Protein backbone atom coordinates (compact mmCIF):
# COMPACT_ATOMS: atom_id res chain seq x y z
CA MET A 1 21.79 96.15 23.02
CA ARG A 2 22.35 92.63 24.94
CA LEU A 3 18.76 92.53 25.95
CA MET A 4 17.62 93.16 21.79
CA ARG A 5 20.15 90.42 21.04
CA ARG A 6 18.59 88.31 23.59
CA VAL A 7 15.07 89.14 22.24
CA HIS A 8 16.21 88.29 18.75
CA TRP A 9 18.47 84.63 19.69
CA LEU A 10 14.48 83.83 21.37
CA ALA A 11 12.46 84.73 18.34
CA ALA A 12 15.48 82.63 16.54
CA VAL A 13 14.86 79.48 18.39
CA VAL A 14 10.72 79.58 18.45
CA CYS A 15 10.84 79.92 14.68
CA LEU A 16 13.31 76.77 14.46
CA ALA A 17 11.06 75.00 16.74
CA ALA A 18 8.34 75.56 14.77
CA LEU A 19 9.48 73.96 11.44
CA PRO A 20 8.60 70.17 10.66
CA SER A 21 11.53 67.89 11.49
CA PRO A 22 13.77 65.95 8.56
CA GLY A 23 11.18 63.14 7.50
CA ALA A 24 8.44 64.68 9.47
CA GLN A 25 4.93 63.88 7.51
CA THR A 26 2.72 66.61 6.47
CA ALA A 27 -0.62 67.20 7.79
CA ALA A 28 -3.56 64.84 6.37
CA PRO A 29 -5.79 66.10 4.01
CA PRO A 30 -9.19 67.62 5.79
CA ARG A 31 -11.42 63.69 6.59
CA HIS A 32 -15.03 63.45 7.12
CA GLU A 33 -16.36 62.82 9.93
CA VAL A 34 -18.82 60.23 8.12
CA PRO A 35 -18.15 58.07 4.79
CA TRP A 36 -19.14 59.82 1.69
CA LYS A 37 -22.67 59.68 0.27
CA LEU A 38 -22.25 60.35 -3.76
CA LEU A 39 -24.02 59.92 -6.77
CA ILE A 40 -22.92 58.66 -10.31
CA MET A 41 -24.88 59.93 -13.27
CA GLY A 42 -24.33 59.61 -17.30
CA PRO A 43 -25.66 57.99 -20.35
CA PRO A 44 -25.34 54.00 -20.77
CA GLY A 45 -22.30 52.92 -21.20
CA ALA A 46 -20.68 55.94 -19.73
CA GLY A 47 -18.62 53.57 -17.34
CA LYS A 48 -20.81 54.10 -14.27
CA GLY A 49 -20.55 50.56 -12.98
CA THR A 50 -17.02 50.00 -13.58
CA ILE A 51 -15.95 53.29 -11.64
CA SER A 52 -18.22 52.96 -9.21
CA ASP A 53 -16.73 49.41 -8.58
CA ARG A 54 -12.90 50.81 -8.40
CA ILE A 55 -14.24 53.80 -5.86
CA ALA A 56 -15.91 51.29 -3.53
CA ALA A 57 -12.81 49.08 -3.46
CA ASP A 58 -10.80 52.31 -3.09
CA TYR A 59 -12.84 54.20 -0.76
CA GLY A 60 -14.69 52.20 1.23
CA VAL A 61 -18.46 53.46 0.21
CA VAL A 62 -20.97 50.70 -0.89
CA HIS A 63 -21.81 50.55 -4.77
CA ILE A 64 -26.09 50.56 -5.01
CA ASP A 65 -26.41 49.46 -8.48
CA THR A 66 -30.02 50.20 -9.52
CA GLY A 67 -29.52 48.81 -12.75
CA ASP A 68 -28.79 45.43 -11.12
CA LEU A 69 -30.91 46.12 -8.33
CA LEU A 70 -33.44 46.06 -10.75
CA ARG A 71 -32.78 43.21 -12.94
CA LYS A 72 -32.73 40.78 -9.74
CA TYR A 73 -36.38 42.03 -9.28
CA ALA A 74 -37.05 42.04 -12.47
CA LYS A 75 -36.55 37.41 -12.47
CA SER A 76 -39.39 37.45 -10.51
CA HIS A 77 -41.61 40.14 -11.96
CA PRO A 78 -42.15 39.67 -15.91
CA ASP A 79 -43.91 42.90 -16.11
CA VAL A 80 -40.58 44.87 -15.00
CA ALA A 81 -38.82 42.02 -17.07
CA LYS A 82 -40.84 43.21 -20.35
CA ILE A 83 -40.32 47.33 -19.76
CA LEU A 84 -36.78 46.59 -18.88
CA ALA A 85 -35.76 44.50 -22.15
CA LYS A 86 -37.48 47.40 -24.34
CA GLY A 87 -34.73 49.79 -22.62
CA HIS A 88 -38.01 51.38 -20.93
CA MET A 89 -37.73 52.51 -17.53
CA ALA A 90 -39.19 50.99 -14.51
CA PRO A 91 -41.82 53.04 -13.01
CA ALA A 92 -40.58 55.67 -10.74
CA GLN A 93 -42.35 54.67 -7.72
CA LEU A 94 -41.05 50.79 -7.32
CA VAL A 95 -37.27 52.07 -7.96
CA SER A 96 -37.61 54.44 -5.47
CA ARG A 97 -39.29 51.91 -3.09
CA ILE A 98 -35.87 49.34 -3.80
CA VAL A 99 -33.46 52.38 -3.87
CA ARG A 100 -34.87 53.06 -0.23
CA GLU A 101 -34.66 49.66 0.86
CA ARG A 102 -31.06 49.61 -0.10
CA LEU A 103 -29.95 52.64 1.70
CA SER A 104 -31.93 51.44 4.72
CA GLN A 105 -29.15 48.59 5.47
CA ALA A 106 -26.48 48.52 7.89
CA ASP A 107 -23.81 48.46 5.44
CA VAL A 108 -24.69 51.90 3.96
CA LYS A 109 -25.33 53.55 7.25
CA SER A 110 -21.76 52.38 8.02
CA ARG A 111 -19.60 52.51 5.26
CA GLY A 112 -21.58 55.77 2.82
CA PHE A 113 -22.17 54.72 -0.42
CA ILE A 114 -22.08 55.44 -4.14
CA LEU A 115 -25.64 55.26 -6.15
CA ASP A 116 -25.53 54.23 -9.37
CA GLY A 117 -28.45 54.82 -11.81
CA TYR A 118 -30.61 57.06 -9.87
CA PRO A 119 -32.59 59.26 -9.58
CA ARG A 120 -33.02 59.40 -13.35
CA ARG A 121 -35.85 61.51 -13.37
CA TRP A 122 -37.23 64.50 -12.11
CA GLU A 123 -39.81 62.16 -9.21
CA GLU A 124 -36.61 60.22 -8.07
CA ALA A 125 -34.86 62.97 -7.47
CA ARG A 126 -37.72 64.62 -5.47
CA SER A 127 -37.68 61.31 -3.58
CA LEU A 128 -34.12 61.05 -3.05
CA THR A 129 -34.12 64.15 -1.60
CA VAL A 130 -37.10 63.79 0.89
CA MET A 131 -35.25 60.42 1.89
CA LEU A 132 -32.13 62.38 2.68
CA LYS A 133 -33.85 64.86 4.40
CA LEU A 134 -35.33 62.55 6.78
CA ARG A 135 -32.39 60.81 7.79
CA HIS A 136 -30.68 64.34 7.93
CA LEU A 137 -28.24 63.27 5.14
CA HIS A 138 -26.70 65.26 2.47
CA LEU A 139 -25.43 64.27 -0.97
CA ASP A 140 -21.33 65.14 -0.71
CA ALA A 141 -21.17 65.42 -4.75
CA ALA A 142 -22.64 64.01 -7.67
CA LEU A 143 -19.63 62.64 -10.69
CA ARG A 144 -21.25 63.92 -13.91
CA LEU A 145 -20.00 61.25 -16.66
CA GLU A 146 -20.27 62.58 -20.68
CA VAL A 147 -18.96 60.48 -23.25
CA PRO A 148 -19.36 60.88 -26.83
CA LEU A 149 -22.39 59.16 -28.68
CA THR A 150 -20.44 56.53 -30.93
CA GLU A 151 -17.75 55.75 -28.03
CA LEU A 152 -21.21 55.19 -25.70
CA GLN A 153 -22.55 52.73 -28.78
CA ARG A 154 -19.15 50.59 -29.22
CA ARG A 155 -19.18 49.98 -25.22
CA ILE A 156 -23.10 48.95 -25.05
CA LEU A 157 -22.94 46.74 -27.91
CA GLY A 158 -19.50 45.37 -27.02
CA ARG A 159 -20.84 44.36 -23.25
CA GLY A 160 -22.49 41.12 -24.71
CA ARG A 161 -25.42 41.50 -22.56
CA ALA A 162 -28.77 40.01 -23.40
CA ASP A 163 -31.01 43.51 -23.59
CA ASP A 164 -28.05 45.19 -25.38
CA SER A 165 -28.41 46.10 -28.93
CA ALA A 166 -28.63 49.36 -31.33
CA ALA A 167 -32.43 49.85 -31.30
CA VAL A 168 -32.18 49.14 -27.14
CA PHE A 169 -29.60 51.35 -27.12
CA LEU A 170 -30.83 54.25 -29.55
CA GLU A 171 -34.26 53.84 -27.12
CA ARG A 172 -32.34 54.36 -24.06
CA MET A 173 -30.29 57.25 -25.46
CA ARG A 174 -33.60 59.13 -25.98
CA VAL A 175 -34.80 58.40 -22.62
CA TYR A 176 -31.66 59.83 -21.10
CA ARG A 177 -32.11 62.89 -22.94
CA GLU A 178 -35.71 63.10 -22.24
CA GLU A 179 -35.71 61.89 -18.73
CA THR A 180 -32.59 61.99 -17.03
CA GLU A 181 -30.97 65.61 -18.61
CA PRO A 182 -33.40 67.79 -16.55
CA VAL A 183 -32.68 66.39 -13.53
CA PHE A 184 -29.00 68.12 -13.58
CA ARG A 185 -30.84 71.02 -13.67
CA TYR A 186 -33.53 70.04 -10.55
CA LEU A 187 -29.90 69.17 -8.96
CA GLN A 188 -28.32 72.15 -9.48
CA GLY A 189 -27.33 74.21 -6.92
CA LYS A 190 -28.60 70.68 -3.93
CA VAL A 191 -24.99 69.08 -4.73
CA ILE A 192 -21.57 69.53 -5.90
CA PHE A 193 -20.98 68.28 -9.60
CA LEU A 194 -17.64 66.71 -10.65
CA THR A 195 -16.82 65.82 -14.10
CA PRO A 196 -14.06 64.20 -14.48
CA ASP A 197 -12.99 63.60 -18.01
CA VAL A 198 -13.72 60.05 -19.39
CA GLY A 199 -14.88 60.25 -22.84
CA MET A 200 -11.50 58.23 -24.13
CA ASN A 201 -11.51 54.73 -24.72
CA ASP A 202 -9.17 53.84 -22.00
CA PRO A 203 -10.25 52.97 -18.99
CA GLU A 204 -7.49 53.34 -16.72
CA THR A 205 -6.74 57.11 -17.79
CA ALA A 206 -10.50 57.68 -17.21
CA TYR A 207 -10.33 56.20 -13.51
CA GLN A 208 -7.86 58.17 -12.98
CA ASN A 209 -9.01 61.09 -13.84
CA VAL A 210 -11.81 60.18 -11.43
CA LYS A 211 -9.56 59.98 -8.77
CA LYS A 212 -8.29 63.46 -9.17
CA VAL A 213 -12.13 65.38 -9.01
CA LEU A 214 -12.71 62.96 -6.10
CA GLU A 215 -9.31 64.29 -4.10
CA THR A 216 -11.31 68.25 -4.33
CA LEU A 217 -13.62 66.49 -1.25
CA PRO A 218 -12.71 65.75 2.05
CA ALA A 219 -11.19 62.53 2.20
CA PRO A 220 -14.41 59.85 3.59
CA ALA A 221 -14.23 58.64 7.39
CA LEU A 222 -13.04 54.92 7.28
CA LYS A 223 -15.41 52.72 9.55
């Protein structure tokens, strides 16, 4: 009997030793060995740029704004400027080349990225797949933003950009439906889609919903 009581006492001691001490920190969430590589996709006015800026600030990844890269390029290429002014897409090969050059830069290699506004066409999605494969990389997730049409138009017309007008907005939406929505089908099964609720007229609530879905991913490595 004394032997059995001693065995039970030792088992209790082992169990108590395994319990965390008061005030001890809980285990950290899983962490990637490399930084995040994200896509953010959605129609014009969905908030891709604003949300990407905040993700870059909070998580350290590089925000690659394809639209901004193209607008800078268009300043010295009037033919591209005319295309963008009409709400049309720049040639897919040009966009892919600009993105490929940006992805090869040192800050992206060390910090990861959130790629905003690319891919918008099937051929761009195919090009991105090849780019990443050649670099032995994979996408961690794609944020898919969906917003009601009336809210999109309100946001677009309120931005005050020179290329924002009702006619250009409608043209961009037509292009989005015809060219970009098929990209989601192409990427299905190749990347995890995260679909936060961002349709409200409240940027802070929208961003907090984005953070909630990002928390389902392993935290990115910080370099």
